[in-house]
């Protein structure tokens, strides 16, 4: 349970509570989706949920062009709507398989494009670059039994979150999915995490 829940959250579950779901699995009915569905089943019915499929969003990769050194935006406009949803969300749910001990490329592109907020903070001295404090959870699946990919994903996410005014409040990792169905125990962990996050 210590790995399941990182810290206690005191959510203000007002009627316009906003959840941004970012699913980076290319499989719409796969293991990652099952873990995500279990979490969402426990979410407040009044929550406003925005759902993003990273493979369909297909964000352009950051090329360090320097545009965001001087501008409060990105040269590429494909994530304009995503940025708006990201900045106003109360909770961000990242559902992701492990690819080569990291995120799949479409989600990695999104994380790299958070560079605009890094430059807002450290180049243009905007503290914080996003005024609203948010929470995040990560639901991850891995085909093998090696949990190193989970640690890499958590480390990368936490590093980005320090600039984004986001705090990781929970993580669930389901492993060995190349060889067996996602376990009932992992499904229960995802439900339990949601219950803890929403103080049920």
Protein backbone atom coordinates (compact mmCIF):
# COMPACT_ATOMS: atom_id res chain seq x y z
CA UNK A 1 0.00 0.00 0.00
CA UNK A 2 2.94 2.36 0.55
CA UNK A 3 3.70 2.32 -3.19
CA UNK A 4 0.02 2.70 -4.00
CA UNK A 5 -0.60 5.99 -2.24
CA UNK A 6 2.03 8.69 -2.13
CA UNK A 7 0.37 11.30 0.06
CA UNK A 8 -2.94 12.33 1.55
CA UNK A 9 -5.10 14.61 -0.55
CA UNK A 10 -7.81 16.96 0.65
CA UNK A 11 -9.85 17.40 -2.51
CA UNK A 12 -12.37 20.22 -2.70
CA UNK A 13 -15.03 18.27 -4.56
CA UNK A 14 -17.12 21.14 -5.82
CA UNK A 15 -19.63 20.51 -8.61
CA UNK A 16 -17.29 21.84 -11.28
CA UNK A 17 -14.40 19.58 -10.19
CA UNK A 18 -12.38 18.97 -13.35
CA UNK A 19 -10.47 15.79 -14.20
CA UNK A 20 -8.16 15.63 -17.20
CA UNK A 21 -7.46 12.06 -18.31
CA UNK A 22 -4.43 11.51 -20.55
CA UNK A 23 -4.32 7.95 -21.88
CA UNK A 24 -1.15 7.08 -23.78
CA UNK A 25 -2.04 3.52 -24.69
CA UNK A 26 -2.74 2.84 -28.39
CA UNK A 27 -5.11 0.03 -27.38
CA UNK A 28 -8.60 1.23 -26.53
CA UNK A 29 -9.58 -1.98 -24.73
CA UNK A 30 -6.21 -3.05 -23.35
CA UNK A 31 -4.73 -3.47 -19.88
CA UNK A 32 -4.09 0.23 -19.35
CA UNK A 33 -7.70 1.05 -20.21
CA UNK A 34 -8.94 -1.53 -17.68
CA UNK A 35 -6.80 0.02 -14.96
CA UNK A 36 -8.11 3.45 -15.92
CA UNK A 37 -11.75 2.32 -16.03
CA UNK A 38 -11.43 0.94 -12.50
CA UNK A 39 -10.14 4.31 -11.27
CA UNK A 40 -12.80 6.33 -13.07
CA UNK A 41 -15.60 4.15 -11.66
CA UNK A 42 -14.82 5.63 -8.25
CA UNK A 43 -14.70 9.26 -9.39
CA UNK A 44 -17.45 11.64 -8.23
CA UNK A 45 -20.42 11.54 -10.59
CA UNK A 46 -20.49 15.34 -10.68
CA UNK A 47 -16.89 15.63 -11.91
CA UNK A 48 -16.27 17.07 -15.35
CA UNK A 49 -13.98 14.64 -17.17
CA UNK A 50 -11.98 15.59 -20.26
CA UNK A 51 -10.45 12.60 -22.03
CA UNK A 52 -7.33 12.85 -24.20
CA UNK A 53 -5.87 9.98 -26.25
CA UNK A 54 -2.18 10.74 -26.69
CA UNK A 55 -1.82 8.64 -29.84
CA UNK A 56 -4.68 10.53 -31.49
CA UNK A 57 -3.50 13.91 -30.26
CA UNK A 58 -0.07 13.06 -31.75
CA UNK A 59 1.73 16.09 -30.31
CA UNK A 60 4.65 17.45 -32.27
CA UNK A 61 7.93 16.86 -30.41
CA UNK A 62 9.70 19.82 -28.84
CA UNK A 63 12.67 20.96 -30.96
CA UNK A 64 14.03 23.55 -28.50
CA UNK A 65 13.34 26.36 -30.98
CA UNK A 66 13.43 29.00 -28.24
CA UNK A 67 10.00 30.49 -29.03
CA UNK A 68 8.80 30.07 -25.44
CA UNK A 69 11.85 31.95 -24.13
CA UNK A 70 10.00 35.15 -25.02
CA UNK A 71 6.38 34.06 -25.48
CA UNK A 72 3.80 32.58 -23.12
CA UNK A 73 2.93 29.89 -25.63
CA UNK A 74 4.48 27.38 -28.01
CA UNK A 75 5.34 27.89 -31.67
CA UNK A 76 3.37 24.74 -32.46
CA UNK A 77 -0.36 25.26 -31.93
CA UNK A 78 -1.48 21.62 -31.80
CA UNK A 79 -1.59 21.59 -27.98
CA UNK A 80 -3.38 24.90 -27.43
CA UNK A 81 -6.61 23.25 -26.26
CA UNK A 82 -4.70 20.68 -24.22
CA UNK A 83 -2.77 23.40 -22.40
CA UNK A 84 -6.04 25.13 -21.46
CA UNK A 85 -7.51 21.91 -20.07
CA UNK A 86 -4.26 21.08 -18.29
CA UNK A 87 -4.08 24.45 -16.55
CA UNK A 88 -7.64 24.40 -15.18
CA UNK A 89 -7.85 20.71 -14.20
CA UNK A 90 -8.11 19.86 -10.50
CA UNK A 91 -6.79 16.34 -11.05
CA UNK A 92 -4.76 14.95 -13.94
CA UNK A 93 -4.84 11.20 -14.51
CA UNK A 94 -2.02 9.80 -16.63
CA UNK A 95 -2.73 6.24 -17.83
CA UNK A 96 0.27 4.79 -19.60
CA UNK A 97 1.99 1.57 -20.56
CA UNK A 98 5.74 1.31 -20.15
CA UNK A 99 7.64 1.49 -23.44
CA UNK A 100 11.38 0.83 -23.22
CA UNK A 101 11.43 1.83 -19.52
CA UNK A 102 9.63 5.13 -20.19
CA UNK A 103 6.51 6.73 -21.64
CA UNK A 104 5.26 5.90 -25.15
CA UNK A 105 6.50 8.53 -27.62
CA UNK A 106 3.21 10.52 -27.86
CA UNK A 107 3.13 11.08 -24.09
CA UNK A 108 6.86 11.82 -24.01
CA UNK A 109 6.20 14.53 -26.62
CA UNK A 110 3.57 16.07 -24.36
CA UNK A 111 5.95 16.07 -21.40
CA UNK A 112 8.72 17.59 -23.54
CA UNK A 113 6.32 20.29 -24.69
CA UNK A 114 5.88 21.31 -21.05
CA UNK A 115 9.16 23.13 -21.78
CA UNK A 116 7.05 26.26 -22.33
CA UNK A 117 6.31 26.30 -18.59
CA UNK A 118 9.94 25.61 -17.70
CA UNK A 119 11.00 28.65 -19.70
CA UNK A 120 8.18 30.73 -18.22
CA UNK A 121 9.59 29.93 -14.78
CA UNK A 122 13.33 30.07 -15.34
CA UNK A 123 13.76 32.33 -18.38
CA UNK A 124 10.89 34.79 -17.95
CA UNK A 125 10.75 34.50 -14.14
CA UNK A 126 7.03 33.74 -13.86
CA UNK A 127 6.53 32.10 -10.44
CA UNK A 128 4.69 29.78 -10.69
CA UNK A 129 4.09 29.48 -14.43
CA UNK A 130 0.67 27.94 -13.69
CA UNK A 131 -1.06 29.61 -10.75
CA UNK A 132 -3.51 26.82 -9.93
CA UNK A 133 -2.12 23.99 -7.82
CA UNK A 134 -3.21 20.58 -9.11
CA UNK A 135 -2.82 16.91 -8.19
CA UNK A 136 -1.98 13.96 -10.43
CA UNK A 137 -2.13 10.19 -10.37
CA UNK A 138 -0.35 7.75 -12.66
CA UNK A 139 -1.79 4.39 -13.65
CA UNK A 140 0.78 2.30 -15.47
CA UNK A 141 1.10 -1.15 -17.00
CA UNK A 142 4.20 -3.09 -17.94
CA UNK A 143 4.50 -6.21 -20.09
CA UNK A 144 7.33 -7.68 -18.04
CA UNK A 145 7.92 -8.18 -14.32
CA UNK A 146 10.66 -5.55 -14.28
CA UNK A 147 9.45 -2.57 -12.23
CA UNK A 148 12.30 -0.28 -13.26
CA UNK A 149 10.09 1.35 -15.91
CA UNK A 150 7.62 2.37 -13.19
CA UNK A 151 10.42 4.09 -11.28
CA UNK A 152 11.62 5.91 -14.41
CA UNK A 153 8.10 7.13 -15.20
CA UNK A 154 7.53 8.35 -11.64
CA UNK A 155 10.90 10.10 -11.60
CA UNK A 156 10.30 11.84 -14.95
CA UNK A 157 6.80 12.90 -13.96
CA UNK A 158 7.80 14.23 -10.54
CA UNK A 159 10.62 16.22 -12.10
CA UNK A 160 8.23 17.88 -14.57
CA UNK A 161 5.57 18.41 -11.91
CA UNK A 162 7.87 20.59 -9.79
CA UNK A 163 7.62 23.29 -12.47
CA UNK A 164 3.97 22.64 -13.39
CA UNK A 165 2.54 23.25 -9.88
CA UNK A 166 1.38 19.61 -9.82
CA UNK A 167 1.94 17.08 -7.06
CA UNK A 168 1.84 13.33 -7.59
CA UNK A 169 -0.64 11.93 -5.08
CA UNK A 170 -0.87 8.32 -6.21
CA UNK A 171 0.54 5.60 -8.45
CA UNK A 172 -0.59 2.12 -9.47
CA UNK A 173 1.64 -0.20 -11.48
CA UNK A 174 0.38 -3.46 -13.03
CA UNK A 175 3.14 -5.71 -14.38
CA UNK A 176 3.56 -8.88 -16.46
CA UNK A 177 0.70 -7.96 -18.79
CA UNK A 178 2.44 -9.50 -21.82
CA UNK A 179 1.86 -12.91 -20.29
CA UNK A 180 -1.35 -12.67 -18.27
CA UNK A 181 -4.50 -10.63 -17.87
CA UNK A 182 -4.39 -7.68 -15.54
CA UNK A 183 -5.07 -9.07 -12.08
CA UNK A 184 -8.09 -8.44 -9.90
CA UNK A 185 -5.65 -7.20 -7.27
CA UNK A 186 -4.39 -4.48 -9.62
CA UNK A 187 -7.96 -3.50 -10.48
CA UNK A 188 -8.71 -3.27 -6.77
CA UNK A 189 -5.60 -1.13 -6.22
CA UNK A 190 -6.81 1.31 -8.86
CA UNK A 191 -10.25 1.51 -7.27
CA UNK A 192 -8.71 1.90 -3.83
CA UNK A 193 -6.47 4.69 -5.02
CA UNK A 194 -9.48 6.58 -6.37
CA UNK A 195 -11.34 6.06 -3.10
CA UNK A 196 -8.37 7.44 -1.17
CA UNK A 197 -7.95 10.41 -3.51
CA UNK A 198 -11.63 11.32 -3.27
CA UNK A 199 -11.86 10.59 0.46
CA UNK A 200 -14.57 7.98 0.06
